[in-house]
Amino acid sequence: MAKIAVDTGERKLYYSIKEVAAMFDVRESLLRYWEKEFPQLHPKTVGNNVRQYTDKDIEQIRLIYNLVKTRGFKIASARKMLSENRKGADNHARIIDSLITVRDELMALKSQIDNL
């Protein structure tokens, strides 16, 4: 499972599609596909269709990623979940992210103990 490195500590007004794809360890083409499938996701486009993602867009992607990649929802089911139960999907995504962080910290501690 890919670790989602969304909180970089450094806040920007806009992120490029390349930066966002790296945050979620996905291809840029997947992000463009999700834009077509999820009406909630609509980054600003400038010039030659250059996408500029805001923190709000990244939050949408985090939810979509959680539903589709982590929980295994089909696109139609994820779209329905986001439109009908946004708050529940958001809470579940936060819980999953917290559990992944705790798991990673426990694994690091185990590794340190094993090296003693």
PDB file of N, CA and C in Angstrom:
ATOM      1  N   MET A   1       0.846  -1.176   0.000  1.00  0.00           N
ATOM      2  CA  MET A   1       0.000   0.000   0.000  1.00  0.00           C
ATOM      3  C   MET A   1       0.892   1.240   0.000  1.00  0.00           C
ATOM      4  N   ALA A   2       0.601   2.192  -0.829  1.00  0.00           N
ATOM      5  CA  ALA A   2       1.394   3.402  -0.931  1.00  0.00           C
ATOM      6  C   ALA A   2       1.122   4.315   0.247  1.00  0.00           C
ATOM      7  N   LYS A   3       2.171   4.899   0.755  1.00  0.00           N
ATOM      8  CA  LYS A   3       2.017   5.874   1.833  1.00  0.00           C
ATOM      9  C   LYS A   3       1.720   7.225   1.205  1.00  0.00           C
ATOM     10  N   ILE A   4       0.693   7.858   1.676  1.00  0.00           N
ATOM     11  CA  ILE A   4       0.272   9.137   1.119  1.00  0.00           C
ATOM     12  C   ILE A   4       0.983  10.244   1.882  1.00  0.00           C
ATOM     13  N   ALA A   5       1.879  10.917   1.213  1.00  0.00           N
ATOM     14  CA  ALA A   5       2.659  11.984   1.834  1.00  0.00           C
ATOM     15  C   ALA A   5       2.053  13.328   1.457  1.00  0.00           C
ATOM     16  N   VAL A   6       0.906  13.622   2.016  1.00  0.00           N
ATOM     17  CA  VAL A   6       0.199  14.848   1.645  1.00  0.00           C
ATOM     18  C   VAL A   6       0.716  16.052   2.411  1.00  0.00           C
ATOM     19  N   ASP A   7       0.985  15.889   3.700  1.00  0.00           N
ATOM     20  CA  ASP A   7       1.413  17.024   4.507  1.00  0.00           C
ATOM     21  C   ASP A   7       2.916  17.189   4.396  1.00  0.00           C
ATOM     22  N   THR A   8       3.339  18.081   3.512  1.00  0.00           N
ATOM     23  CA  THR A   8       4.762  18.298   3.294  1.00  0.00           C
ATOM     24  C   THR A   8       5.336  19.332   4.251  1.00  0.00           C
ATOM     25  N   GLY A   9       4.491  19.960   5.051  1.00  0.00           N
ATOM     26  CA  GLY A   9       4.975  20.992   5.951  1.00  0.00           C
ATOM     27  C   GLY A   9       5.043  22.346   5.247  1.00  0.00           C
ATOM     28  N   GLU A  10       5.410  22.336   3.983  1.00  0.00           N
ATOM     29  CA  GLU A  10       5.497  23.543   3.185  1.00  0.00           C
ATOM     30  C   GLU A  10       4.186  23.727   2.439  1.00  0.00           C
ATOM     31  N   ARG A  11       3.505  24.824   2.687  1.00  0.00           N
ATOM     32  CA  ARG A  11       2.214  25.072   2.045  1.00  0.00           C
ATOM     33  C   ARG A  11       2.417  25.974   0.839  1.00  0.00           C
ATOM     34  N   LYS A  12       1.756  25.599  -0.238  1.00  0.00           N
ATOM     35  CA  LYS A  12       1.773  26.388  -1.457  1.00  0.00           C
ATOM     36  C   LYS A  12       0.344  26.707  -1.822  1.00  0.00           C
ATOM     37  N   LEU A  13       0.161  27.717  -2.629  1.00  0.00           N
ATOM     38  CA  LEU A  13      -1.175  28.065  -3.092  1.00  0.00           C
ATOM     39  C   LEU A  13      -1.654  27.060  -4.130  1.00  0.00           C
ATOM     40  N   TYR A  14      -0.754  26.657  -5.040  1.00  0.00           N
ATOM     41  CA  TYR A  14      -1.093  25.700  -6.085  1.00  0.00           C
ATOM     42  C   TYR A  14       0.004  24.646  -6.206  1.00  0.00           C
ATOM     43  N   TYR A  15      -0.423  23.436  -6.562  1.00  0.00           N
ATOM     44  CA  TYR A  15       0.501  22.333  -6.800  1.00  0.00           C
ATOM     45  C   TYR A  15       0.305  21.848  -8.231  1.00  0.00           C
ATOM     46  N   SER A  16       1.379  21.436  -8.872  1.00  0.00           N
ATOM     47  CA  SER A  16       1.278  20.903 -10.232  1.00  0.00           C
ATOM     48  C   SER A  16       0.755  19.471 -10.184  1.00  0.00           C
ATOM     49  N   ILE A  17       0.314  18.979 -11.323  1.00  0.00           N
ATOM     50  CA  ILE A  17      -0.182  17.605 -11.400  1.00  0.00           C
ATOM     51  C   ILE A  17       0.949  16.624 -11.063  1.00  0.00           C
ATOM     52  N   LYS A  18       2.159  16.973 -11.425  1.00  0.00           N
ATOM     53  CA  LYS A  18       3.316  16.114 -11.137  1.00  0.00           C
ATOM     54  C   LYS A  18       3.537  16.015  -9.627  1.00  0.00           C
ATOM     55  N   GLU A  19       3.429  17.135  -8.927  1.00  0.00           N
ATOM     56  CA  GLU A  19       3.604  17.134  -7.472  1.00  0.00           C
ATOM     57  C   GLU A  19       2.504  16.319  -6.789  1.00  0.00           C
ATOM     58  N   VAL A  20       1.275  16.495  -7.248  1.00  0.00           N
ATOM     59  CA  VAL A  20       0.146  15.789  -6.639  1.00  0.00           C
ATOM     60  C   VAL A  20       0.256  14.289  -6.905  1.00  0.00           C
ATOM     61  N   ALA A  21       0.631  13.917  -8.118  1.00  0.00           N
ATOM     62  CA  ALA A  21       0.810  12.499  -8.449  1.00  0.00           C
ATOM     63  C   ALA A  21       1.880  11.885  -7.552  1.00  0.00           C
ATOM     64  N   ALA A  22       2.945  12.618  -7.283  1.00  0.00           N
ATOM     65  CA  ALA A  22       4.007  12.118  -6.407  1.00  0.00           C
ATOM     66  C   ALA A  22       3.519  11.977  -4.964  1.00  0.00           C
ATOM     67  N   MET A  23       2.669  12.879  -4.516  1.00  0.00           N
ATOM     68  CA  MET A  23       2.133  12.802  -3.154  1.00  0.00           C
ATOM     69  C   MET A  23       1.398  11.486  -2.917  1.00  0.00           C
ATOM     70  N   PHE A  24       0.673  11.038  -3.926  1.00  0.00           N
ATOM     71  CA  PHE A  24      -0.161   9.841  -3.789  1.00  0.00           C
ATOM     72  C   PHE A  24       0.447   8.611  -4.456  1.00  0.00           C
ATOM     73  N   ASP A  25       1.618   8.777  -5.040  1.00  0.00           N
ATOM     74  CA  ASP A  25       2.300   7.686  -5.736  1.00  0.00           C
ATOM     75  C   ASP A  25       1.398   7.069  -6.808  1.00  0.00           C
ATOM     76  N   VAL A  26       0.808   7.931  -7.626  1.00  0.00           N
ATOM     77  CA  VAL A  26      -0.035   7.501  -8.737  1.00  0.00           C
ATOM     78  C   VAL A  26       0.447   8.210 -10.001  1.00  0.00           C
ATOM     79  N   ARG A  27      -0.047   7.753 -11.126  1.00  0.00           N
ATOM     80  CA  ARG A  27       0.302   8.392 -12.397  1.00  0.00           C
ATOM     81  C   ARG A  27      -0.555   9.633 -12.624  1.00  0.00           C
ATOM     82  N   GLU A  28       0.000  10.560 -13.362  1.00  0.00           N
ATOM     83  CA  GLU A  28      -0.734  11.777 -13.698  1.00  0.00           C
ATOM     84  C   GLU A  28      -2.003  11.449 -14.480  1.00  0.00           C
ATOM     85  N   SER A  29      -1.938  10.437 -15.313  1.00  0.00           N
ATOM     86  CA  SER A  29      -3.109  10.050 -16.116  1.00  0.00           C
ATOM     87  C   SER A  29      -4.269   9.610 -15.229  1.00  0.00           C
ATOM     88  N   LEU A  30      -3.962   8.995 -14.079  1.00  0.00           N
ATOM     89  CA  LEU A  30      -5.022   8.595 -13.158  1.00  0.00           C
ATOM     90  C   LEU A  30      -5.724   9.823 -12.587  1.00  0.00           C
ATOM     91  N   LEU A  31      -4.971  10.844 -12.259  1.00  0.00           N
ATOM     92  CA  LEU A  31      -5.577  12.078 -11.747  1.00  0.00           C
ATOM     93  C   LEU A  31      -6.475  12.716 -12.803  1.00  0.00           C
ATOM     94  N   ARG A  32      -6.021  12.729 -14.048  1.00  0.00           N
ATOM     95  CA  ARG A  32      -6.855  13.286 -15.123  1.00  0.00           C
ATOM     96  C   ARG A  32      -8.122  12.457 -15.303  1.00  0.00           C
ATOM     97  N   TYR A  33      -8.002  11.137 -15.179  1.00  0.00           N
ATOM     98  CA  TYR A  33      -9.173  10.261 -15.278  1.00  0.00           C
ATOM     99  C   TYR A  33     -10.156  10.549 -14.150  1.00  0.00           C
ATOM    100  N   TRP A  34      -9.644  10.688 -12.927  1.00  0.00           N
ATOM    101  CA  TRP A  34     -10.515  10.978 -11.792  1.00  0.00           C
ATOM    102  C   TRP A  34     -11.234  12.305 -11.966  1.00  0.00           C
ATOM    103  N   GLU A  35     -10.581  13.271 -12.602  1.00  0.00           N
ATOM    104  CA  GLU A  35     -11.246  14.560 -12.855  1.00  0.00           C
ATOM    105  C   GLU A  35     -12.505  14.372 -13.706  1.00  0.00           C
ATOM    106  N   LYS A  36     -12.435  13.451 -14.650  1.00  0.00           N
ATOM    107  CA  LYS A  36     -13.584  13.184 -15.519  1.00  0.00           C
ATOM    108  C   LYS A  36     -14.678  12.421 -14.780  1.00  0.00           C
ATOM    109  N   GLU A  37     -14.280  11.563 -13.857  1.00  0.00           N
ATOM    110  CA  GLU A  37     -15.229  10.683 -13.180  1.00  0.00           C
ATOM    111  C   GLU A  37     -15.856  11.291 -11.926  1.00  0.00           C
ATOM    112  N   PHE A  38     -15.177  12.220 -11.290  1.00  0.00           N
ATOM    113  CA  PHE A  38     -15.664  12.800 -10.034  1.00  0.00           C
ATOM    114  C   PHE A  38     -15.890  14.299 -10.214  1.00  0.00           C
ATOM    115  N   PRO A  39     -17.152  14.720 -10.260  1.00  0.00           N
ATOM    116  CA  PRO A  39     -17.435  16.147 -10.468  1.00  0.00           C
ATOM    117  C   PRO A  39     -16.924  17.026  -9.328  1.00  0.00           C
ATOM    118  N   GLN A  40     -16.672  16.434  -8.161  1.00  0.00           N
ATOM    119  CA  GLN A  40     -16.167  17.216  -7.031  1.00  0.00           C
ATOM    120  C   GLN A  40     -14.721  17.664  -7.248  1.00  0.00           C
ATOM    121  N   LEU A  41     -14.019  16.990  -8.140  1.00  0.00           N
ATOM    122  CA  LEU A  41     -12.602  17.276  -8.379  1.00  0.00           C
ATOM    123  C   LEU A  41     -12.467  18.120  -9.642  1.00  0.00           C
ATOM    124  N   HIS A  42     -12.094  19.372  -9.466  1.00  0.00           N
ATOM    125  CA  HIS A  42     -11.937  20.251 -10.622  1.00  0.00           C
ATOM    126  C   HIS A  42     -10.845  21.280 -10.339  1.00  0.00           C
ATOM    127  N   PRO A  43      -9.585  20.890 -10.612  1.00  0.00           N
ATOM    128  CA  PRO A  43      -8.497  21.852 -10.402  1.00  0.00           C
ATOM    129  C   PRO A  43      -8.569  22.991 -11.413  1.00  0.00           C
ATOM    130  N   LYS A  44      -7.966  24.087 -11.046  1.00  0.00           N
ATOM    131  CA  LYS A  44      -7.895  25.244 -11.931  1.00  0.00           C
ATOM    132  C   LYS A  44      -6.978  24.897 -13.102  1.00  0.00           C
ATOM    133  N   THR A  45      -7.363  25.306 -14.301  1.00  0.00           N
ATOM    134  CA  THR A  45      -6.496  25.097 -15.464  1.00  0.00           C
ATOM    135  C   THR A  45      -6.117  26.452 -16.053  1.00  0.00           C
ATOM    136  N   VAL A  46      -4.858  26.558 -16.438  1.00  0.00           N
ATOM    137  CA  VAL A  46      -4.345  27.792 -17.044  1.00  0.00           C
ATOM    138  C   VAL A  46      -3.568  27.427 -18.297  1.00  0.00           C
ATOM    139  N   GLY A  47      -3.383  28.394 -19.154  1.00  0.00           N
ATOM    140  CA  GLY A  47      -2.562  28.193 -20.345  1.00  0.00           C
ATOM    141  C   GLY A  47      -2.970  26.982 -21.159  1.00  0.00           C
ATOM    142  N   ASN A  48      -2.027  26.128 -21.465  1.00  0.00           N
ATOM    143  CA  ASN A  48      -2.267  24.930 -22.273  1.00  0.00           C
ATOM    144  C   ASN A  48      -2.788  23.785 -21.410  1.00  0.00           C
ATOM    145  N   ASN A  49      -3.925  24.003 -20.755  1.00  0.00           N
ATOM    146  CA  ASN A  49      -4.535  23.014 -19.858  1.00  0.00           C
ATOM    147  C   ASN A  49      -3.590  22.567 -18.748  1.00  0.00           C
ATOM    148  N   VAL A  50      -2.775  23.474 -18.252  1.00  0.00           N
ATOM    149  CA  VAL A  50      -1.895  23.192 -17.122  1.00  0.00           C
ATOM    150  C   VAL A  50      -2.750  23.237 -15.865  1.00  0.00           C
ATOM    151  N   ARG A  51      -2.759  22.128 -15.133  1.00  0.00           N
ATOM    152  CA  ARG A  51      -3.595  22.027 -13.937  1.00  0.00           C
ATOM    153  C   ARG A  51      -2.874  22.600 -12.720  1.00  0.00           C
ATOM    154  N   GLN A  52      -3.645  23.299 -11.892  1.00  0.00           N
ATOM    155  CA  GLN A  52      -3.137  23.838 -10.637  1.00  0.00           C
ATOM    156  C   GLN A  52      -4.064  23.357  -9.529  1.00  0.00           C
ATOM    157  N   TYR A  53      -3.543  22.501  -8.661  1.00  0.00           N
ATOM    158  CA  TYR A  53      -4.333  21.908  -7.591  1.00  0.00           C
ATOM    159  C   TYR A  53      -4.174  22.718  -6.307  1.00  0.00           C
ATOM    160  N   THR A  54      -5.301  22.969  -5.644  1.00  0.00           N
ATOM    161  CA  THR A  54      -5.298  23.645  -4.348  1.00  0.00           C
ATOM    162  C   THR A  54      -5.331  22.592  -3.237  1.00  0.00           C
ATOM    163  N   ASP A  55      -5.206  23.045  -2.004  1.00  0.00           N
ATOM    164  CA  ASP A  55      -5.321  22.130  -0.863  1.00  0.00           C
ATOM    165  C   ASP A  55      -6.688  21.436  -0.861  1.00  0.00           C
ATOM    166  N   LYS A  56      -7.730  22.155  -1.260  1.00  0.00           N
ATOM    167  CA  LYS A  56      -9.075  21.574  -1.331  1.00  0.00           C
ATOM    168  C   LYS A  56      -9.113  20.440  -2.361  1.00  0.00           C
ATOM    169  N   ASP A  57      -8.474  20.646  -3.513  1.00  0.00           N
ATOM    170  CA  ASP A  57      -8.408  19.593  -4.532  1.00  0.00           C
ATOM    171  C   ASP A  57      -7.647  18.377  -4.003  1.00  0.00           C
ATOM    172  N   ILE A  58      -6.576  18.620  -3.288  1.00  0.00           N
ATOM    173  CA  ILE A  58      -5.772  17.523  -2.736  1.00  0.00           C
ATOM    174  C   ILE A  58      -6.577  16.746  -1.710  1.00  0.00           C
ATOM    175  N   GLU A  59      -7.400  17.432  -0.935  1.00  0.00           N
ATOM    176  CA  GLU A  59      -8.280  16.753   0.023  1.00  0.00           C
ATOM    177  C   GLU A  59      -9.275  15.858  -0.719  1.00  0.00           C
ATOM    178  N   GLN A  60      -9.821  16.344  -1.834  1.00  0.00           N
ATOM    179  CA  GLN A  60     -10.731  15.538  -2.648  1.00  0.00           C
ATOM    180  C   GLN A  60     -10.015  14.291  -3.160  1.00  0.00           C
ATOM    181  N   ILE A  61      -8.801  14.464  -3.636  1.00  0.00           N
ATOM    182  CA  ILE A  61      -8.023  13.330  -4.141  1.00  0.00           C
ATOM    183  C   ILE A  61      -7.745  12.344  -3.025  1.00  0.00           C
ATOM    184  N   ARG A  62      -7.450  12.846  -1.838  1.00  0.00           N
ATOM    185  CA  ARG A  62      -7.201  11.958  -0.696  1.00  0.00           C
ATOM    186  C   ARG A  62      -8.415  11.080  -0.415  1.00  0.00           C
ATOM    187  N   LEU A  63      -9.606  11.672  -0.469  1.00  0.00           N
ATOM    188  CA  LEU A  63     -10.831  10.909  -0.257  1.00  0.00           C
ATOM    189  C   LEU A  63     -11.062   9.887  -1.371  1.00  0.00           C
ATOM    190  N   ILE A  64     -10.857  10.319  -2.602  1.00  0.00           N
ATOM    191  CA  ILE A  64     -11.034   9.413  -3.737  1.00  0.00           C
ATOM    192  C   ILE A  64     -10.027   8.272  -3.648  1.00  0.00           C
ATOM    193  N   TYR A  65      -8.786   8.601  -3.339  1.00  0.00           N
ATOM    194  CA  TYR A  65      -7.744   7.580  -3.210  1.00  0.00           C
ATOM    195  C   TYR A  65      -8.128   6.565  -2.133  1.00  0.00           C
ATOM    196  N   ASN A  66      -8.608   7.063  -1.013  1.00  0.00           N
ATOM    197  CA  ASN A  66      -9.009   6.176   0.080  1.00  0.00           C
ATOM    198  C   ASN A  66     -10.115   5.230  -0.360  1.00  0.00           C
ATOM    199  N   LEU A  67     -11.114   5.762  -1.039  1.00  0.00           N
ATOM    200  CA  LEU A  67     -12.240   4.934  -1.462  1.00  0.00           C
ATOM    201  C   LEU A  67     -11.843   3.931  -2.542  1.00  0.00           C
ATOM    202  N   VAL A  68     -11.110   4.388  -3.546  1.00  0.00           N
ATOM    203  CA  VAL A  68     -10.815   3.549  -4.705  1.00  0.00           C
ATOM    204  C   VAL A  68      -9.608   2.646  -4.474  1.00  0.00           C
ATOM    205  N   LYS A  69      -8.517   3.207  -4.007  1.00  0.00           N
ATOM    206  CA  LYS A  69      -7.272   2.442  -3.881  1.00  0.00           C
ATOM    207  C   LYS A  69      -7.177   1.675  -2.562  1.00  0.00           C
ATOM    208  N   THR A  70      -7.537   2.320  -1.455  1.00  0.00           N
ATOM    209  CA  THR A  70      -7.393   1.671  -0.151  1.00  0.00           C
ATOM    210  C   THR A  70      -8.549   0.725   0.130  1.00  0.00           C
ATOM    211  N   ARG A  71      -9.776   1.191  -0.083  1.00  0.00           N
ATOM    212  CA  ARG A  71     -10.949   0.380   0.260  1.00  0.00           C
ATOM    213  C   ARG A  71     -11.471  -0.456  -0.893  1.00  0.00           C
ATOM    214  N   GLY A  72     -10.986  -0.210  -2.106  1.00  0.00           N
ATOM    215  CA  GLY A  72     -11.347  -1.043  -3.242  1.00  0.00           C
ATOM    216  C   GLY A  72     -12.709  -0.781  -3.863  1.00  0.00           C
ATOM    217  N   PHE A  73     -13.249   0.408  -3.671  1.00  0.00           N
ATOM    218  CA  PHE A  73     -14.532   0.747  -4.269  1.00  0.00           C
ATOM    219  C   PHE A  73     -14.383   0.861  -5.784  1.00  0.00           C
ATOM    220  N   LYS A  74     -15.432   0.512  -6.507  1.00  0.00           N
ATOM    221  CA  LYS A  74     -15.503   0.795  -7.940  1.00  0.00           C
ATOM    222  C   LYS A  74     -15.751   2.297  -8.077  1.00  0.00           C
ATOM    223  N   ILE A  75     -15.417   2.837  -9.240  1.00  0.00           N
ATOM    224  CA  ILE A  75     -15.559   4.284  -9.466  1.00  0.00           C
ATOM    225  C   ILE A  75     -16.984   4.760  -9.190  1.00  0.00           C
ATOM    226  N   ALA A  76     -17.981   4.045  -9.709  1.00  0.00           N
ATOM    227  CA  ALA A  76     -19.383   4.459  -9.519  1.00  0.00           C
ATOM    228  C   ALA A  76     -19.763   4.455  -8.042  1.00  0.00           C
ATOM    229  N   SER A  77     -19.304   3.457  -7.307  1.00  0.00           N
ATOM    230  CA  SER A  77     -19.611   3.382  -5.872  1.00  0.00           C
ATOM    231  C   SER A  77     -18.919   4.502  -5.101  1.00  0.00           C
ATOM    232  N   ALA A  78     -17.682   4.791  -5.470  1.00  0.00           N
ATOM    233  CA  ALA A  78     -16.959   5.878  -4.810  1.00  0.00           C
ATOM    234  C   ALA A  78     -17.631   7.218  -5.089  1.00  0.00           C
ATOM    235  N   ARG A  79     -18.051   7.415  -6.337  1.00  0.00           N
ATOM    236  CA  ARG A  79     -18.743   8.661  -6.700  1.00  0.00           C
ATOM    237  C   ARG A  79     -20.019   8.813  -5.883  1.00  0.00           C
ATOM    238  N   LYS A  80     -20.775   7.713  -5.752  1.00  0.00           N
ATOM    239  CA  LYS A  80     -22.018   7.732  -4.990  1.00  0.00           C
ATOM    240  C   LYS A  80     -21.743   8.015  -3.511  1.00  0.00           C
ATOM    241  N   MET A  81     -20.707   7.385  -2.971  1.00  0.00           N
ATOM    242  CA  MET A  81     -20.348   7.589  -1.558  1.00  0.00           C
ATOM    243  C   MET A  81     -19.983   9.048  -1.298  1.00  0.00           C
ATOM    244  N   LEU A  82     -19.220   9.644  -2.201  1.00  0.00           N
ATOM    245  CA  LEU A  82     -18.829  11.041  -2.020  1.00  0.00           C
ATOM    246  C   LEU A  82     -20.015  11.987  -2.115  1.00  0.00           C
ATOM    247  N   SER A  83     -20.959  11.674  -2.985  1.00  0.00           N
ATOM    248  CA  SER A  83     -22.101  12.581  -3.133  1.00  0.00           C
ATOM    249  C   SER A  83     -23.138  12.392  -2.022  1.00  0.00           C
ATOM    250  N   GLU A  84     -23.291  11.148  -1.523  1.00  0.00           N
ATOM    251  CA  GLU A  84     -24.324  10.886  -0.525  1.00  0.00           C
ATOM    252  C   GLU A  84     -23.826  10.926   0.919  1.00  0.00           C
ATOM    253  N   ASN A  85     -22.580  10.537   1.128  1.00  0.00           N
ATOM    254  CA  ASN A  85     -22.080  10.430   2.499  1.00  0.00           C
ATOM    255  C   ASN A  85     -20.672  10.995   2.596  1.00  0.00           C
ATOM    256  N   ARG A  86     -20.507  12.211   2.216  1.00  0.00           N
ATOM    257  CA  ARG A  86     -19.198  12.867   2.199  1.00  0.00           C
ATOM    258  C   ARG A  86     -18.552  12.872   3.585  1.00  0.00           C
ATOM    259  N   LYS A  87     -19.326  13.198   4.600  1.00  0.00           N
ATOM    260  CA  LYS A  87     -18.772  13.279   5.950  1.00  0.00           C
ATOM    261  C   LYS A  87     -18.286  11.906   6.426  1.00  0.00           C
ATOM    262  N   GLY A  88     -19.048  10.870   6.162  1.00  0.00           N
ATOM    263  CA  GLY A  88     -18.644   9.525   6.551  1.00  0.00           C
ATOM    264  C   GLY A  88     -17.379   9.082   5.830  1.00  0.00           C
ATOM    265  N   ALA A  89     -17.301   9.392   4.531  1.00  0.00           N
ATOM    266  CA  ALA A  89     -16.106   9.044   3.749  1.00  0.00           C
ATOM    267  C   ALA A  89     -14.891   9.794   4.265  1.00  0.00           C
ATOM    268  N   ASP A  90     -15.081  11.059   4.619  1.00  0.00           N
ATOM    269  CA  ASP A  90     -13.984  11.872   5.136  1.00  0.00           C
ATOM    270  C   ASP A  90     -13.491  11.332   6.476  1.00  0.00           C
ATOM    271  N   ASN A  91     -14.416  11.000   7.371  1.00  0.00           N
ATOM    272  CA  ASN A  91     -14.028  10.457   8.672  1.00  0.00           C
ATOM    273  C   ASN A  91     -13.291   9.130   8.527  1.00  0.00           C
ATOM    274  N   HIS A  92     -13.781   8.279   7.652  1.00  0.00           N
ATOM    275  CA  HIS A  92     -13.141   6.985   7.435  1.00  0.00           C
ATOM    276  C   HIS A  92     -11.730   7.173   6.877  1.00  0.00           C
ATOM    277  N   ALA A  93     -11.557   8.106   5.963  1.00  0.00           N
ATOM    278  CA  ALA A  93     -10.237   8.361   5.381  1.00  0.00           C
ATOM    279  C   ALA A  93      -9.263   8.854   6.451  1.00  0.00           C
ATOM    280  N   ARG A  94      -9.723   9.707   7.344  1.00  0.00           N
ATOM    281  CA  ARG A  94      -8.850  10.192   8.432  1.00  0.00           C
ATOM    282  C   ARG A  94      -8.438   9.059   9.356  1.00  0.00           C
ATOM    283  N   ILE A  95      -9.366   8.183   9.657  1.00  0.00           N
ATOM    284  CA  ILE A  95      -9.062   7.038  10.521  1.00  0.00           C
ATOM    285  C   ILE A  95      -8.025   6.137   9.859  1.00  0.00           C
ATOM    286  N   ILE A  96      -8.208   5.843   8.582  1.00  0.00           N
ATOM    287  CA  ILE A  96      -7.255   5.001   7.849  1.00  0.00           C
ATOM    288  C   ILE A  96      -5.873   5.646   7.844  1.00  0.00           C
ATOM    289  N   ASP A  97      -5.811   6.950   7.561  1.00  0.00           N
ATOM    290  CA  ASP A  97      -4.521   7.648   7.558  1.00  0.00           C
ATOM    291  C   ASP A  97      -3.847   7.571   8.924  1.00  0.00           C
ATOM    292  N   SER A  98      -4.621   7.732   9.988  1.00  0.00           N
ATOM    293  CA  SER A  98      -4.063   7.644  11.345  1.00  0.00           C
ATOM    294  C   SER A  98      -3.539   6.243  11.629  1.00  0.00           C
ATOM    295  N   LEU A  99      -4.293   5.235  11.226  1.00  0.00           N
ATOM    296  CA  LEU A  99      -3.861   3.857  11.448  1.00  0.00           C
ATOM    297  C   LEU A  99      -2.581   3.535  10.666  1.00  0.00           C
ATOM    298  N   ILE A 100      -2.472   4.037   9.457  1.00  0.00           N
ATOM    299  CA  ILE A 100      -1.264   3.819   8.660  1.00  0.00           C
ATOM    300  C   ILE A 100      -0.069   4.473   9.336  1.00  0.00           C
ATOM    301  N   THR A 101      -0.257   5.674   9.864  1.00  0.00           N
ATOM    302  CA  THR A 101       0.820   6.369  10.566  1.00  0.00           C
ATOM    303  C   THR A 101       1.253   5.592  11.800  1.00  0.00           C
ATOM    304  N   VAL A 102       0.283   5.120  12.586  1.00  0.00           N
ATOM    305  CA  VAL A 102       0.594   4.342  13.788  1.00  0.00           C
ATOM    306  C   VAL A 102       1.328   3.054  13.408  1.00  0.00           C
ATOM    307  N   ARG A 103       0.844   2.378  12.358  1.00  0.00           N
ATOM    308  CA  ARG A 103       1.502   1.148  11.908  1.00  0.00           C
ATOM    309  C   ARG A 103       2.958   1.411  11.530  1.00  0.00           C
ATOM    310  N   ASP A 104       3.195   2.482  10.774  1.00  0.00           N
ATOM    311  CA  ASP A 104       4.555   2.811  10.352  1.00  0.00           C
ATOM    312  C   ASP A 104       5.451   3.122  11.552  1.00  0.00           C
ATOM    313  N   GLU A 105       4.910   3.829  12.548  1.00  0.00           N
ATOM    314  CA  GLU A 105       5.686   4.136  13.748  1.00  0.00           C
ATOM    315  C   GLU A 105       5.999   2.869  14.539  1.00  0.00           C
ATOM    316  N   LEU A 106       5.028   1.969  14.636  1.00  0.00           N
ATOM    317  CA  LEU A 106       5.252   0.704  15.340  1.00  0.00           C
ATOM    318  C   LEU A 106       6.294  -0.154  14.625  1.00  0.00           C
ATOM    319  N   MET A 107       6.251  -0.159  13.311  1.00  0.00           N
ATOM    320  CA  MET A 107       7.242  -0.916  12.549  1.00  0.00           C
ATOM    321  C   MET A 107       8.644  -0.346  12.746  1.00  0.00           C
ATOM    322  N   ALA A 108       8.749   0.981  12.810  1.00  0.00           N
ATOM    323  CA  ALA A 108      10.042   1.621  13.052  1.00  0.00           C
ATOM    324  C   ALA A 108      10.553   1.277  14.451  1.00  0.00           C
ATOM    325  N   LEU A 109       9.657   1.285  15.442  1.00  0.00           N
ATOM    326  CA  LEU A 109      10.055   0.912  16.803  1.00  0.00           C
ATOM    327  C   LEU A 109      10.499  -0.546  16.868  1.00  0.00           C
ATOM    328  N   LYS A 110       9.784  -1.422  16.199  1.00  0.00           N
ATOM    329  CA  LYS A 110      10.149  -2.842  16.175  1.00  0.00           C
ATOM    330  C   LYS A 110      11.532  -3.013  15.551  1.00  0.00           C
ATOM    331  N   SER A 111      11.782  -2.289  14.487  1.00  0.00           N
ATOM    332  CA  SER A 111      13.081  -2.365  13.832  1.00  0.00           C
ATOM    333  C   SER A 111      14.198  -1.906  14.770  1.00  0.00           C
ATOM    334  N   GLN A 112      13.935  -0.843  15.525  1.00  0.00           N
ATOM    335  CA  GLN A 112      14.930  -0.361  16.483  1.00  0.00           C
ATOM    336  C   GLN A 112      15.173  -1.378  17.586  1.00  0.00           C
ATOM    337  N   ILE A 113      14.109  -2.013  18.069  1.00  0.00           N
ATOM    338  CA  ILE A 113      14.238  -3.030  19.115  1.00  0.00           C
ATOM    339  C   ILE A 113      15.008  -4.236  18.589  1.00  0.00           C
ATOM    340  N   ASP A 114      14.710  -4.636  17.353  1.00  0.00           N
ATOM    341  CA  ASP A 114      15.410  -5.785  16.747  1.00  0.00           C
ATOM    342  C   ASP A 114      16.897  -5.532  16.599  1.00  0.00           C
ATOM    343  N   ASN A 115      17.288  -4.275  16.446  1.00  0.00           N
ATOM    344  CA  ASN A 115      18.688  -3.928  16.266  1.00  0.00           C
ATOM    345  C   ASN A 115      19.450  -3.788  17.579  1.00  0.00           C
ATOM    346  N   LEU A 116      18.757  -3.902  18.695  1.00  0.00           N
ATOM    347  CA  LEU A 116      19.442  -3.782  20.005  1.00  0.00           C
ATOM    348  C   LEU A 116      20.221  -5.006  20.345  1.00  0.00           C
TER     349      LEU A 116
END
